[in-house]
Amino acid sequence: MTMNTMPDSFKSVLWSYDFSSCDPWKMKNTIIKNTISYGNLEHWRWIKSFYGAENVKRALDDVSGTSIRSSARKLADLMF
């Protein structure tokens, strides 16, 4: 895996995008938002490791409260 690719497990998180052209840096906020909403603990750990907890927290602060499932948002607020 290079710095511009993500694990194949993210295909389920980014189901509405052409996964082969997803750039983790250019799509950082989208990837974080979708991961929090649709990902599992493995996905969450990856974004925390890849982007860093502070960057994930900043990205979450930039998205509207309704764009992420409320139960997932509460858990993310605790984790990040």
PDB file of N, CA and C in Angstrom:
ATOM      1  N   MET A   1       0.842  -1.179   0.000  1.00  0.00           N
ATOM      2  CA  MET A   1       0.000   0.000   0.000  1.00  0.00           C
ATOM      3  C   MET A   1       0.888   1.242   0.000  1.00  0.00           C
ATOM      4  N   THR A   2       0.645   2.134  -0.929  1.00  0.00           N
ATOM      5  CA  THR A   2       1.394   3.382  -0.992  1.00  0.00           C
ATOM      6  C   THR A   2       0.671   4.450  -0.184  1.00  0.00           C
ATOM      7  N   MET A   3       1.275   5.604  -0.098  1.00  0.00           N
ATOM      8  CA  MET A   3       0.673   6.698   0.679  1.00  0.00           C
ATOM      9  C   MET A   3      -0.616   7.214   0.038  1.00  0.00           C
ATOM     10  N   ASN A   4      -0.870   6.892  -1.220  1.00  0.00           N
ATOM     11  CA  ASN A   4      -2.077   7.381  -1.883  1.00  0.00           C
ATOM     12  C   ASN A   4      -3.126   6.301  -2.072  1.00  0.00           C
ATOM     13  N   THR A   5      -3.003   5.210  -1.358  1.00  0.00           N
ATOM     14  CA  THR A   5      -4.015   4.167  -1.451  1.00  0.00           C
ATOM     15  C   THR A   5      -4.494   3.807  -0.060  1.00  0.00           C
ATOM     16  N   MET A   6      -5.651   3.204  -0.034  1.00  0.00           N
ATOM     17  CA  MET A   6      -6.239   2.780   1.227  1.00  0.00           C
ATOM     18  C   MET A   6      -6.442   1.277   1.183  1.00  0.00           C
ATOM     19  N   PRO A   7      -6.630   0.672   2.339  1.00  0.00           N
ATOM     20  CA  PRO A   7      -6.907  -0.769   2.361  1.00  0.00           C
ATOM     21  C   PRO A   7      -8.191  -1.082   1.596  1.00  0.00           C
ATOM     22  N   ASP A   8      -8.225  -2.247   0.976  1.00  0.00           N
ATOM     23  CA  ASP A   8      -9.409  -2.671   0.227  1.00  0.00           C
ATOM     24  C   ASP A   8     -10.659  -2.721   1.092  1.00  0.00           C
ATOM     25  N   SER A   9     -10.494  -2.863   2.389  1.00  0.00           N
ATOM     26  CA  SER A   9     -11.657  -2.924   3.280  1.00  0.00           C
ATOM     27  C   SER A   9     -12.479  -1.638   3.232  1.00  0.00           C
ATOM     28  N   PHE A  10     -11.912  -0.559   2.718  1.00  0.00           N
ATOM     29  CA  PHE A  10     -12.631   0.716   2.634  1.00  0.00           C
ATOM     30  C   PHE A  10     -13.596   0.783   1.456  1.00  0.00           C
ATOM     31  N   LYS A  11     -13.595  -0.240   0.606  1.00  0.00           N
ATOM     32  CA  LYS A  11     -14.550  -0.257  -0.511  1.00  0.00           C
ATOM     33  C   LYS A  11     -15.981  -0.194   0.008  1.00  0.00           C
ATOM     34  N   SER A  12     -16.234  -0.840   1.141  1.00  0.00           N
ATOM     35  CA  SER A  12     -17.592  -0.822   1.702  1.00  0.00           C
ATOM     36  C   SER A  12     -17.946   0.533   2.310  1.00  0.00           C
ATOM     37  N   VAL A  13     -16.970   1.262   2.764  1.00  0.00           N
ATOM     38  CA  VAL A  13     -17.188   2.586   3.354  1.00  0.00           C
ATOM     39  C   VAL A  13     -17.386   3.637   2.265  1.00  0.00           C
ATOM     40  N   LEU A  14     -16.695   3.463   1.155  1.00  0.00           N
ATOM     41  CA  LEU A  14     -16.743   4.423   0.054  1.00  0.00           C
ATOM     42  C   LEU A  14     -17.501   3.840  -1.135  1.00  0.00           C
ATOM     43  N   TRP A  15     -18.563   3.142  -0.855  1.00  0.00           N
ATOM     44  CA  TRP A  15     -19.333   2.416  -1.855  1.00  0.00           C
ATOM     45  C   TRP A  15     -19.873   3.312  -2.962  1.00  0.00           C
ATOM     46  N   SER A  16     -20.099   4.582  -2.695  1.00  0.00           N
ATOM     47  CA  SER A  16     -20.687   5.459  -3.716  1.00  0.00           C
ATOM     48  C   SER A  16     -19.629   6.185  -4.551  1.00  0.00           C
ATOM     49  N   TYR A  17     -18.369   5.841  -4.367  1.00  0.00           N
ATOM     50  CA  TYR A  17     -17.268   6.472  -5.093  1.00  0.00           C
ATOM     51  C   TYR A  17     -16.512   5.424  -5.905  1.00  0.00           C
ATOM     52  N   ASP A  18     -15.808   5.873  -6.933  1.00  0.00           N
ATOM     53  CA  ASP A  18     -14.924   5.001  -7.686  1.00  0.00           C
ATOM     54  C   ASP A  18     -13.694   4.776  -6.815  1.00  0.00           C
ATOM     55  N   PHE A  19     -13.673   3.640  -6.128  1.00  0.00           N
ATOM     56  CA  PHE A  19     -12.644   3.390  -5.122  1.00  0.00           C
ATOM     57  C   PHE A  19     -11.231   3.489  -5.694  1.00  0.00           C
ATOM     58  N   SER A  20     -11.032   3.042  -6.911  1.00  0.00           N
ATOM     59  CA  SER A  20      -9.684   3.039  -7.492  1.00  0.00           C
ATOM     60  C   SER A  20      -9.131   4.455  -7.684  1.00  0.00           C
ATOM     61  N   SER A  21      -9.993   5.454  -7.727  1.00  0.00           N
ATOM     62  CA  SER A  21      -9.506   6.827  -7.890  1.00  0.00           C
ATOM     63  C   SER A  21      -9.619   7.660  -6.604  1.00  0.00           C
ATOM     64  N   CYS A  22      -9.937   7.022  -5.492  1.00  0.00           N
ATOM     65  CA  CYS A  22     -10.022   7.743  -4.215  1.00  0.00           C
ATOM     66  C   CYS A  22      -8.621   8.033  -3.684  1.00  0.00           C
ATOM     67  N   ASP A  23      -8.336   9.293  -3.492  1.00  0.00           N
ATOM     68  CA  ASP A  23      -7.057   9.726  -2.938  1.00  0.00           C
ATOM     69  C   ASP A  23      -7.295  10.084  -1.474  1.00  0.00           C
ATOM     70  N   PRO A  24      -6.617   9.418  -0.547  1.00  0.00           N
ATOM     71  CA  PRO A  24      -6.884   9.662   0.874  1.00  0.00           C
ATOM     72  C   PRO A  24      -6.563  11.077   1.338  1.00  0.00           C
ATOM     73  N   TRP A  25      -5.712  11.798   0.617  1.00  0.00           N
ATOM     74  CA  TRP A  25      -5.408  13.174   1.013  1.00  0.00           C
ATOM     75  C   TRP A  25      -6.401  14.156   0.411  1.00  0.00           C
ATOM     76  N   LYS A  26      -6.730  13.982  -0.847  1.00  0.00           N
ATOM     77  CA  LYS A  26      -7.670  14.899  -1.494  1.00  0.00           C
ATOM     78  C   LYS A  26      -9.095  14.721  -0.965  1.00  0.00           C
ATOM     79  N   MET A  27      -9.404  13.517  -0.528  1.00  0.00           N
ATOM     80  CA  MET A  27     -10.762  13.202  -0.060  1.00  0.00           C
ATOM     81  C   MET A  27     -10.815  13.004   1.457  1.00  0.00           C
ATOM     82  N   LYS A  28      -9.885  13.584   2.169  1.00  0.00           N
ATOM     83  CA  LYS A  28      -9.749  13.342   3.601  1.00  0.00           C
ATOM     84  C   LYS A  28     -11.067  13.520   4.363  1.00  0.00           C
ATOM     85  N   ASN A  29     -11.734  14.640   4.202  1.00  0.00           N
ATOM     86  CA  ASN A  29     -12.968  14.889   4.957  1.00  0.00           C
ATOM     87  C   ASN A  29     -14.070  13.904   4.595  1.00  0.00           C
ATOM     88  N   THR A  30     -14.189  13.590   3.315  1.00  0.00           N
ATOM     89  CA  THR A  30     -15.196  12.617   2.873  1.00  0.00           C
ATOM     90  C   THR A  30     -14.903  11.239   3.454  1.00  0.00           C
ATOM     91  N   ILE A  31     -13.653  10.842   3.409  1.00  0.00           N
ATOM     92  CA  ILE A  31     -13.264   9.529   3.928  1.00  0.00           C
ATOM     93  C   ILE A  31     -13.520   9.458   5.420  1.00  0.00           C
ATOM     94  N   ILE A  32     -13.160  10.487   6.144  1.00  0.00           N
ATOM     95  CA  ILE A  32     -13.387  10.502   7.594  1.00  0.00           C
ATOM     96  C   ILE A  32     -14.883  10.459   7.893  1.00  0.00           C
ATOM     97  N   LYS A  33     -15.654  11.282   7.215  1.00  0.00           N
ATOM     98  CA  LYS A  33     -17.108  11.320   7.441  1.00  0.00           C
ATOM     99  C   LYS A  33     -17.743   9.962   7.146  1.00  0.00           C
ATOM    100  N   ASN A  34     -17.417   9.379   6.007  1.00  0.00           N
ATOM    101  CA  ASN A  34     -17.999   8.083   5.659  1.00  0.00           C
ATOM    102  C   ASN A  34     -17.522   6.979   6.601  1.00  0.00           C
ATOM    103  N   THR A  35     -16.280   7.052   7.017  1.00  0.00           N
ATOM    104  CA  THR A  35     -15.749   6.041   7.936  1.00  0.00           C
ATOM    105  C   THR A  35     -16.468   6.095   9.269  1.00  0.00           C
ATOM    106  N   ILE A  36     -16.688   7.281   9.777  1.00  0.00           N
ATOM    107  CA  ILE A  36     -17.399   7.405  11.051  1.00  0.00           C
ATOM    108  C   ILE A  36     -18.833   6.912  10.906  1.00  0.00           C
ATOM    109  N   SER A  37     -19.470   7.211   9.795  1.00  0.00           N
ATOM    110  CA  SER A  37     -20.864   6.803   9.602  1.00  0.00           C
ATOM    111  C   SER A  37     -21.037   5.330   9.276  1.00  0.00           C
ATOM    112  N   TYR A  38     -20.166   4.785   8.447  1.00  0.00           N
ATOM    113  CA  TYR A  38     -20.392   3.439   7.917  1.00  0.00           C
ATOM    114  C   TYR A  38     -19.308   2.419   8.251  1.00  0.00           C
ATOM    115  N   GLY A  39     -18.210   2.873   8.816  1.00  0.00           N
ATOM    116  CA  GLY A  39     -17.098   1.966   9.077  1.00  0.00           C
ATOM    117  C   GLY A  39     -17.226   1.208  10.385  1.00  0.00           C
ATOM    118  N   ASN A  40     -16.329   0.264  10.543  1.00  0.00           N
ATOM    119  CA  ASN A  40     -16.260  -0.491  11.791  1.00  0.00           C
ATOM    120  C   ASN A  40     -15.007  -0.064  12.559  1.00  0.00           C
ATOM    121  N   LEU A  41     -14.718  -0.719  13.646  1.00  0.00           N
ATOM    122  CA  LEU A  41     -13.586  -0.325  14.488  1.00  0.00           C
ATOM    123  C   LEU A  41     -12.264  -0.390  13.725  1.00  0.00           C
ATOM    124  N   GLU A  42     -12.117  -1.367  12.848  1.00  0.00           N
ATOM    125  CA  GLU A  42     -10.895  -1.473  12.030  1.00  0.00           C
ATOM    126  C   GLU A  42     -10.710  -0.227  11.173  1.00  0.00           C
ATOM    127  N   HIS A  43     -11.788   0.237  10.558  1.00  0.00           N
ATOM    128  CA  HIS A  43     -11.733   1.449   9.739  1.00  0.00           C
ATOM    129  C   HIS A  43     -11.386   2.666  10.599  1.00  0.00           C
ATOM    130  N   TRP A  44     -12.018   2.758  11.755  1.00  0.00           N
ATOM    131  CA  TRP A  44     -11.768   3.889  12.650  1.00  0.00           C
ATOM    132  C   TRP A  44     -10.305   3.917  13.078  1.00  0.00           C
ATOM    133  N   ARG A  45      -9.763   2.759  13.395  1.00  0.00           N
ATOM    134  CA  ARG A  45      -8.350   2.700  13.803  1.00  0.00           C
ATOM    135  C   ARG A  45      -7.440   3.145  12.667  1.00  0.00           C
ATOM    136  N   TRP A  46      -7.802   2.765  11.444  1.00  0.00           N
ATOM    137  CA  TRP A  46      -6.973   3.148  10.300  1.00  0.00           C
ATOM    138  C   TRP A  46      -6.961   4.660  10.129  1.00  0.00           C
ATOM    139  N   ILE A  47      -8.126   5.314  10.152  1.00  0.00           N
ATOM    140  CA  ILE A  47      -8.124   6.772   9.960  1.00  0.00           C
ATOM    141  C   ILE A  47      -7.395   7.466  11.103  1.00  0.00           C
ATOM    142  N   LYS A  48      -7.510   6.933  12.308  1.00  0.00           N
ATOM    143  CA  LYS A  48      -6.796   7.527  13.444  1.00  0.00           C
ATOM    144  C   LYS A  48      -5.292   7.386  13.247  1.00  0.00           C
ATOM    145  N   SER A  49      -4.863   6.229  12.786  1.00  0.00           N
ATOM    146  CA  SER A  49      -3.441   5.989  12.556  1.00  0.00           C
ATOM    147  C   SER A  49      -2.923   6.791  11.361  1.00  0.00           C
ATOM    148  N   PHE A  50      -3.699   6.847  10.294  1.00  0.00           N
ATOM    149  CA  PHE A  50      -3.269   7.496   9.054  1.00  0.00           C
ATOM    150  C   PHE A  50      -3.282   9.022   9.166  1.00  0.00           C
ATOM    151  N   TYR A  51      -4.380   9.575   9.654  1.00  0.00           N
ATOM    152  CA  TYR A  51      -4.530  11.031   9.708  1.00  0.00           C
ATOM    153  C   TYR A  51      -4.130  11.632  11.052  1.00  0.00           C
ATOM    154  N   GLY A  52      -4.171  10.847  12.107  1.00  0.00           N
ATOM    155  CA  GLY A  52      -3.924  11.357  13.451  1.00  0.00           C
ATOM    156  C   GLY A  52      -5.225  11.796  14.100  1.00  0.00           C
ATOM    157  N   ALA A  53      -5.345  11.576  15.391  1.00  0.00           N
ATOM    158  CA  ALA A  53      -6.586  11.876  16.110  1.00  0.00           C
ATOM    159  C   ALA A  53      -6.989  13.346  15.996  1.00  0.00           C
ATOM    160  N   GLU A  54      -6.034  14.256  16.051  1.00  0.00           N
ATOM    161  CA  GLU A  54      -6.364  15.693  15.969  1.00  0.00           C
ATOM    162  C   GLU A  54      -6.934  16.063  14.606  1.00  0.00           C
ATOM    163  N   ASN A  55      -6.375  15.502  13.542  1.00  0.00           N
ATOM    164  CA  ASN A  55      -6.896  15.788  12.204  1.00  0.00           C
ATOM    165  C   ASN A  55      -8.291  15.206  12.015  1.00  0.00           C
ATOM    166  N   VAL A  56      -8.536  14.032  12.583  1.00  0.00           N
ATOM    167  CA  VAL A  56      -9.881  13.443  12.499  1.00  0.00           C
ATOM    168  C   VAL A  56     -10.858  14.325  13.252  1.00  0.00           C
ATOM    169  N   LYS A  57     -10.469  14.766  14.429  1.00  0.00           N
ATOM    170  CA  LYS A  57     -11.342  15.629  15.228  1.00  0.00           C
ATOM    171  C   LYS A  57     -11.656  16.927  14.484  1.00  0.00           C
ATOM    172  N   ARG A  58     -10.645  17.537  13.872  1.00  0.00           N
ATOM    173  CA  ARG A  58     -10.860  18.770  13.108  1.00  0.00           C
ATOM    174  C   ARG A  58     -11.808  18.541  11.936  1.00  0.00           C
ATOM    175  N   ALA A  59     -11.632  17.421  11.238  1.00  0.00           N
ATOM    176  CA  ALA A  59     -12.510  17.108  10.108  1.00  0.00           C
ATOM    177  C   ALA A  59     -13.939  16.912  10.584  1.00  0.00           C
ATOM    178  N   LEU A  60     -14.121  16.266  11.724  1.00  0.00           N
ATOM    179  CA  LEU A  60     -15.462  16.056  12.266  1.00  0.00           C
ATOM    180  C   LEU A  60     -16.096  17.370  12.700  1.00  0.00           C
ATOM    181  N   ASP A  61     -15.289  18.284  13.191  1.00  0.00           N
ATOM    182  CA  ASP A  61     -15.802  19.596  13.582  1.00  0.00           C
ATOM    183  C   ASP A  61     -16.293  20.390  12.370  1.00  0.00           C
ATOM    184  N   ASP A  62     -15.739  20.087  11.181  1.00  0.00           N
ATOM    185  CA  ASP A  62     -16.083  20.821   9.962  1.00  0.00           C
ATOM    186  C   ASP A  62     -17.327  20.307   9.251  1.00  0.00           C
ATOM    187  N   VAL A  63     -17.835  19.129   9.640  1.00  0.00           N
ATOM    188  CA  VAL A  63     -19.024  18.597   8.961  1.00  0.00           C
ATOM    189  C   VAL A  63     -20.262  18.863   9.808  1.00  0.00           C
ATOM    190  N   SER A  64     -21.386  19.023   9.133  1.00  0.00           N
ATOM    191  CA  SER A  64     -22.622  19.308   9.861  1.00  0.00           C
ATOM    192  C   SER A  64     -23.021  18.115  10.722  1.00  0.00           C
ATOM    193  N   GLY A  65     -23.703  18.394  11.772  1.00  0.00           N
ATOM    194  CA  GLY A  65     -24.128  17.355  12.706  1.00  0.00           C
ATOM    195  C   GLY A  65     -25.045  16.321  12.097  1.00  0.00           C
ATOM    196  N   THR A  66     -25.774  16.675  11.065  1.00  0.00           N
ATOM    197  CA  THR A  66     -26.715  15.736  10.462  1.00  0.00           C
ATOM    198  C   THR A  66     -26.091  14.858   9.383  1.00  0.00           C
ATOM    199  N   SER A  67     -24.846  15.125   8.993  1.00  0.00           N
ATOM    200  CA  SER A  67     -24.227  14.334   7.935  1.00  0.00           C
ATOM    201  C   SER A  67     -23.598  13.041   8.449  1.00  0.00           C
ATOM    202  N   ILE A  68     -23.591  12.867   9.758  1.00  0.00           N
ATOM    203  CA  ILE A  68     -23.071  11.653  10.390  1.00  0.00           C
ATOM    204  C   ILE A  68     -24.144  11.117  11.326  1.00  0.00           C
ATOM    205  N   ARG A  69     -24.335   9.800  11.307  1.00  0.00           N
ATOM    206  CA  ARG A  69     -25.331   9.194  12.195  1.00  0.00           C
ATOM    207  C   ARG A  69     -25.062   9.636  13.636  1.00  0.00           C
ATOM    208  N   SER A  70     -26.108   9.992  14.355  1.00  0.00           N
ATOM    209  CA  SER A  70     -25.941  10.563  15.700  1.00  0.00           C
ATOM    210  C   SER A  70     -25.260   9.594  16.658  1.00  0.00           C
ATOM    211  N   SER A  71     -25.592   8.306  16.589  1.00  0.00           N
ATOM    212  CA  SER A  71     -24.950   7.346  17.496  1.00  0.00           C
ATOM    213  C   SER A  71     -23.470   7.217  17.190  1.00  0.00           C
ATOM    214  N   ALA A  72     -23.122   7.257  15.905  1.00  0.00           N
ATOM    215  CA  ALA A  72     -21.712   7.175  15.523  1.00  0.00           C
ATOM    216  C   ALA A  72     -20.989   8.456  15.928  1.00  0.00           C
ATOM    217  N   ARG A  73     -21.665   9.575  15.799  1.00  0.00           N
ATOM    218  CA  ARG A  73     -21.067  10.857  16.168  1.00  0.00           C
ATOM    219  C   ARG A  73     -20.711  10.905  17.650  1.00  0.00           C
ATOM    220  N   LYS A  74     -21.608  10.381  18.477  1.00  0.00           N
ATOM    221  CA  LYS A  74     -21.356  10.372  19.927  1.00  0.00           C
ATOM    222  C   LYS A  74     -20.142   9.537  20.259  1.00  0.00           C
ATOM    223  N   LEU A  75     -20.024   8.373  19.631  1.00  0.00           N
ATOM    224  CA  LEU A  75     -18.878   7.502  19.861  1.00  0.00           C
ATOM    225  C   LEU A  75     -17.591   8.141  19.345  1.00  0.00           C
ATOM    226  N   ALA A  76     -17.666   8.775  18.189  1.00  0.00           N
ATOM    227  CA  ALA A  76     -16.498   9.450  17.625  1.00  0.00           C
ATOM    228  C   ALA A  76     -16.024  10.592  18.515  1.00  0.00           C
ATOM    229  N   ASP A  77     -16.964  11.313  19.082  1.00  0.00           N
ATOM    230  CA  ASP A  77     -16.598  12.403  19.994  1.00  0.00           C
ATOM    231  C   ASP A  77     -15.825  11.869  21.199  1.00  0.00           C
ATOM    232  N   LEU A  78     -16.183  10.693  21.657  1.00  0.00           N
ATOM    233  CA  LEU A  78     -15.469  10.071  22.776  1.00  0.00           C
ATOM    234  C   LEU A  78     -14.078   9.567  22.349  1.00  0.00           C
ATOM    235  N   MET A  79     -13.994   9.015  21.154  1.00  0.00           N
ATOM    236  CA  MET A  79     -12.742   8.410  20.683  1.00  0.00           C
ATOM    237  C   MET A  79     -11.740   9.432  20.194  1.00  0.00           C
ATOM    238  N   PHE A  80     -12.220  10.520  19.600  1.00  0.00           N
ATOM    239  CA  PHE A  80     -11.315  11.510  19.026  1.00  0.00           C
ATOM    240  C   PHE A  80     -11.383  12.805  19.792  1.00  0.00           C
TER     241      PHE A  80
END
